Amino acid sequence: QGQLVEFGGGLVQAGGSLRLACEASGHIPNAHTMGWFRSSPGKERDLGDFVAGITRIGSRLLYSDAVKGRFTVSGDTANSTVYLQMNNLKPEDTAVYYCYLDPTIGGRIWGQGTQVTVSS
């Protein structure tokens, strides 16, 4: 089975921007939904918080209240690709960001995570 690979994390000052990308490497099942979770320092991935997602049917965009208006999710779920444009970043956005894919059949697939650090 293939995997999801993330790009684009890093260190940025408060008010700055970063763009994350997530692509499939190898065979990935067809996606029902793709998007992003994040885990604050010391928190396990599975206990992280939903950030944003995009559905394959209807291309609905979903956001948590914490990021609505600042982050934009986009992508091509048919090709297992999703992006997260993060603007006006705040120190509380510091976390490991994980790409996820919920296939039409089977369990959730996770990326390896990418660190985003926002300095004040």
C-alpha atoms as a PDB file:
ATOM      1  CA  GLN A   1       0.000   0.000   0.000  1.00  0.00           C
ATOM      2  CA  GLY A   2       1.112   3.539  -0.706  1.00  0.00           C
ATOM      3  CA  GLN A   3       1.513   6.383   1.728  1.00  0.00           C
ATOM      4  CA  LEU A   4       0.805  10.070   2.113  1.00  0.00           C
ATOM      5  CA  VAL A   5       3.759  12.459   2.110  1.00  0.00           C
ATOM      6  CA  GLU A   6       3.577  15.999   3.471  1.00  0.00           C
ATOM      7  CA  PHE A   7       5.659  19.025   2.501  1.00  0.00           C
ATOM      8  CA  GLY A   8       5.924  22.617   3.613  1.00  0.00           C
ATOM      9  CA  GLY A   9       6.194  22.812   7.378  1.00  0.00           C
ATOM     10  CA  GLY A  10       8.656  25.130   9.074  1.00  0.00           C
ATOM     11  CA  LEU A  11       9.235  28.093  11.349  1.00  0.00           C
ATOM     12  CA  VAL A  12       7.410  31.365  10.789  1.00  0.00           C
ATOM     13  CA  GLN A  13       6.726  34.519  12.779  1.00  0.00           C
ATOM     14  CA  ALA A  14       3.248  35.344  14.017  1.00  0.00           C
ATOM     15  CA  GLY A  15       1.222  36.925  11.230  1.00  0.00           C
ATOM     16  CA  GLY A  16       3.121  35.022   8.560  1.00  0.00           C
ATOM     17  CA  SER A  17       2.004  32.348   6.129  1.00  0.00           C
ATOM     18  CA  LEU A  18       2.860  28.776   5.221  1.00  0.00           C
ATOM     19  CA  ARG A  19       1.508  26.361   2.651  1.00  0.00           C
ATOM     20  CA  LEU A  20       1.357  22.631   3.322  1.00  0.00           C
ATOM     21  CA  ALA A  21       1.036  20.007   0.626  1.00  0.00           C
ATOM     22  CA  CYS A  22       0.153  16.326   0.820  1.00  0.00           C
ATOM     23  CA  GLU A  23       0.578  13.866  -2.018  1.00  0.00           C
ATOM     24  CA  ALA A  24       0.204  10.139  -2.436  1.00  0.00           C
ATOM     25  CA  SER A  25       3.234   7.961  -3.025  1.00  0.00           C
ATOM     26  CA  GLY A  26       2.312   4.579  -4.444  1.00  0.00           C
ATOM     27  CA  HIS A  27      -1.166   3.092  -4.569  1.00  0.00           C
ATOM     28  CA  ILE A  28      -3.763   4.814  -2.381  1.00  0.00           C
ATOM     29  CA  PRO A  29      -7.452   3.849  -2.230  1.00  0.00           C
ATOM     30  CA  ASN A  30      -9.995   6.275  -3.654  1.00  0.00           C
ATOM     31  CA  ALA A  31     -10.647   9.111  -1.235  1.00  0.00           C
ATOM     32  CA  HIS A  32     -14.001  10.014   0.254  1.00  0.00           C
ATOM     33  CA  THR A  33     -12.459  12.896   2.209  1.00  0.00           C
ATOM     34  CA  MET A  34      -8.959  14.323   2.604  1.00  0.00           C
ATOM     35  CA  GLY A  35      -7.671  16.982   4.916  1.00  0.00           C
ATOM     36  CA  TRP A  36      -5.591  17.927   7.919  1.00  0.00           C
ATOM     37  CA  PHE A  37      -5.420  17.318  11.639  1.00  0.00           C
ATOM     38  CA  ARG A  38      -2.919  18.808  14.042  1.00  0.00           C
ATOM     39  CA  SER A  39      -1.433  17.736  17.354  1.00  0.00           C
ATOM     40  CA  SER A  40       0.004  20.248  19.785  1.00  0.00           C
ATOM     41  CA  PRO A  41       3.378  19.461  21.408  1.00  0.00           C
ATOM     42  CA  GLY A  42       3.236  16.323  23.535  1.00  0.00           C
ATOM     43  CA  LYS A  43      -0.097  15.183  22.146  1.00  0.00           C
ATOM     44  CA  GLU A  44      -0.465  11.959  20.188  1.00  0.00           C
ATOM     45  CA  ARG A  45      -1.632  12.120  16.606  1.00  0.00           C
ATOM     46  CA  ASP A  46      -4.878  10.254  17.239  1.00  0.00           C
ATOM     47  CA  LEU A  47      -5.765  12.764  19.955  1.00  0.00           C
ATOM     48  CA  GLY A  48      -5.199  15.719  17.674  1.00  0.00           C
ATOM     49  CA  ASP A  49      -7.690  18.281  16.435  1.00  0.00           C
ATOM     50  CA  PHE A  50      -9.416  18.472  13.083  1.00  0.00           C
ATOM     51  CA  VAL A  51      -8.236  21.473  11.074  1.00  0.00           C
ATOM     52  CA  ALA A  52      -9.753  21.323   7.595  1.00  0.00           C
ATOM     53  CA  GLY A  53     -10.993  18.874   4.990  1.00  0.00           C
ATOM     54  CA  ILE A  54     -12.374  18.528   1.488  1.00  0.00           C
ATOM     55  CA  THR A  55     -14.884  15.977   0.270  1.00  0.00           C
ATOM     56  CA  ARG A  56     -14.652  14.226  -3.054  1.00  0.00           C
ATOM     57  CA  ILE A  57     -18.379  14.425  -3.741  1.00  0.00           C
ATOM     58  CA  GLY A  58     -19.436  18.035  -4.017  1.00  0.00           C
ATOM     59  CA  SER A  59     -15.970  19.317  -3.046  1.00  0.00           C
ATOM     60  CA  ARG A  60     -17.308  20.578   0.279  1.00  0.00           C
ATOM     61  CA  LEU A  61     -14.766  22.496   2.325  1.00  0.00           C
ATOM     62  CA  LEU A  62     -14.760  21.911   6.070  1.00  0.00           C
ATOM     63  CA  TYR A  63     -12.980  23.996   8.713  1.00  0.00           C
ATOM     64  CA  SER A  64     -12.586  24.072  12.456  1.00  0.00           C
ATOM     65  CA  ASP A  65     -13.673  27.293  14.153  1.00  0.00           C
ATOM     66  CA  ALA A  66     -10.063  27.882  15.225  1.00  0.00           C
ATOM     67  CA  VAL A  67      -8.823  28.316  11.661  1.00  0.00           C
ATOM     68  CA  LYS A  68     -11.879  29.508   9.740  1.00  0.00           C
ATOM     69  CA  GLY A  69     -11.092  32.697   7.853  1.00  0.00           C
ATOM     70  CA  ARG A  70      -7.328  32.198   8.100  1.00  0.00           C
ATOM     71  CA  PHE A  71      -6.709  28.779   6.521  1.00  0.00           C
ATOM     72  CA  THR A  72      -7.810  27.546   3.107  1.00  0.00           C
ATOM     73  CA  VAL A  73      -7.961  23.897   2.119  1.00  0.00           C
ATOM     74  CA  SER A  74      -7.852  22.836  -1.520  1.00  0.00           C
ATOM     75  CA  GLY A  75      -6.886  19.829  -3.540  1.00  0.00           C
ATOM     76  CA  ASP A  76      -7.683  17.123  -6.015  1.00  0.00           C
ATOM     77  CA  THR A  77      -9.101  14.209  -4.079  1.00  0.00           C
ATOM     78  CA  ALA A  78      -9.317  12.111  -7.235  1.00  0.00           C
ATOM     79  CA  ASN A  79      -5.515  12.253  -7.335  1.00  0.00           C
ATOM     80  CA  SER A  80      -5.077  12.062  -3.539  1.00  0.00           C
ATOM     81  CA  THR A  81      -3.630  15.553  -3.257  1.00  0.00           C
ATOM     82  CA  VAL A  82      -4.558  18.165  -0.672  1.00  0.00           C
ATOM     83  CA  TYR A  83      -3.125  21.555   0.304  1.00  0.00           C
ATOM     84  CA  LEU A  84      -3.469  23.859   3.273  1.00  0.00           C
ATOM     85  CA  GLN A  85      -2.774  27.568   2.892  1.00  0.00           C
ATOM     86  CA  MET A  86      -2.256  29.040   6.339  1.00  0.00           C
ATOM     87  CA  ASN A  87      -2.361  32.826   6.716  1.00  0.00           C
ATOM     88  CA  ASN A  88      -2.165  35.099   9.730  1.00  0.00           C
ATOM     89  CA  LEU A  89      -0.547  32.336  11.741  1.00  0.00           C
ATOM     90  CA  LYS A  90      -0.642  32.535  15.532  1.00  0.00           C
ATOM     91  CA  PRO A  91       1.616  30.918  18.153  1.00  0.00           C
ATOM     92  CA  GLU A  92      -1.286  28.641  19.120  1.00  0.00           C
ATOM     93  CA  ASP A  93      -1.170  27.171  15.609  1.00  0.00           C
ATOM     94  CA  THR A  94       2.148  25.544  16.543  1.00  0.00           C
ATOM     95  CA  ALA A  95       1.679  21.802  16.107  1.00  0.00           C
ATOM     96  CA  VAL A  96       2.527  18.772  14.047  1.00  0.00           C
ATOM     97  CA  TYR A  97       0.186  18.804  11.080  1.00  0.00           C
ATOM     98  CA  TYR A  98      -0.974  15.474   9.699  1.00  0.00           C
ATOM     99  CA  CYS A  99      -2.546  14.869   6.344  1.00  0.00           C
ATOM    100  CA  TYR A 100      -5.297  12.245   6.335  1.00  0.00           C
ATOM    101  CA  LEU A 101      -7.336  10.384   3.756  1.00  0.00           C
ATOM    102  CA  ASP A 102     -10.599   8.597   4.492  1.00  0.00           C
ATOM    103  CA  PRO A 103     -11.082   6.109   1.679  1.00  0.00           C
ATOM    104  CA  THR A 104     -14.439   4.995   0.316  1.00  0.00           C
ATOM    105  CA  ILE A 105     -13.543   1.560   1.640  1.00  0.00           C
ATOM    106  CA  GLY A 106     -11.178   0.869   4.531  1.00  0.00           C
ATOM    107  CA  GLY A 107      -9.627   2.730   7.412  1.00  0.00           C
ATOM    108  CA  ARG A 108      -8.068   6.193   7.627  1.00  0.00           C
ATOM    109  CA  ILE A 109      -4.615   6.708   6.117  1.00  0.00           C
ATOM    110  CA  TRP A 110      -2.233   9.178   7.754  1.00  0.00           C
ATOM    111  CA  GLY A 111       0.806  11.055   6.595  1.00  0.00           C
ATOM    112  CA  GLN A 112       3.952  11.131   8.691  1.00  0.00           C
ATOM    113  CA  GLY A 113       3.359  14.674   9.928  1.00  0.00           C
ATOM    114  CA  THR A 114       5.129  17.974   9.404  1.00  0.00           C
ATOM    115  CA  GLN A 115       6.098  20.448  12.123  1.00  0.00           C
ATOM    116  CA  VAL A 116       4.741  23.985  12.034  1.00  0.00           C
ATOM    117  CA  THR A 117       6.183  26.406  14.572  1.00  0.00           C
ATOM    118  CA  VAL A 118       4.903  29.962  14.943  1.00  0.00           C
ATOM    119  CA  SER A 119       7.033  32.328  16.996  1.00  0.00           C
ATOM    120  CA  SER A 120       5.576  35.346  18.781  1.00  0.00           C
END
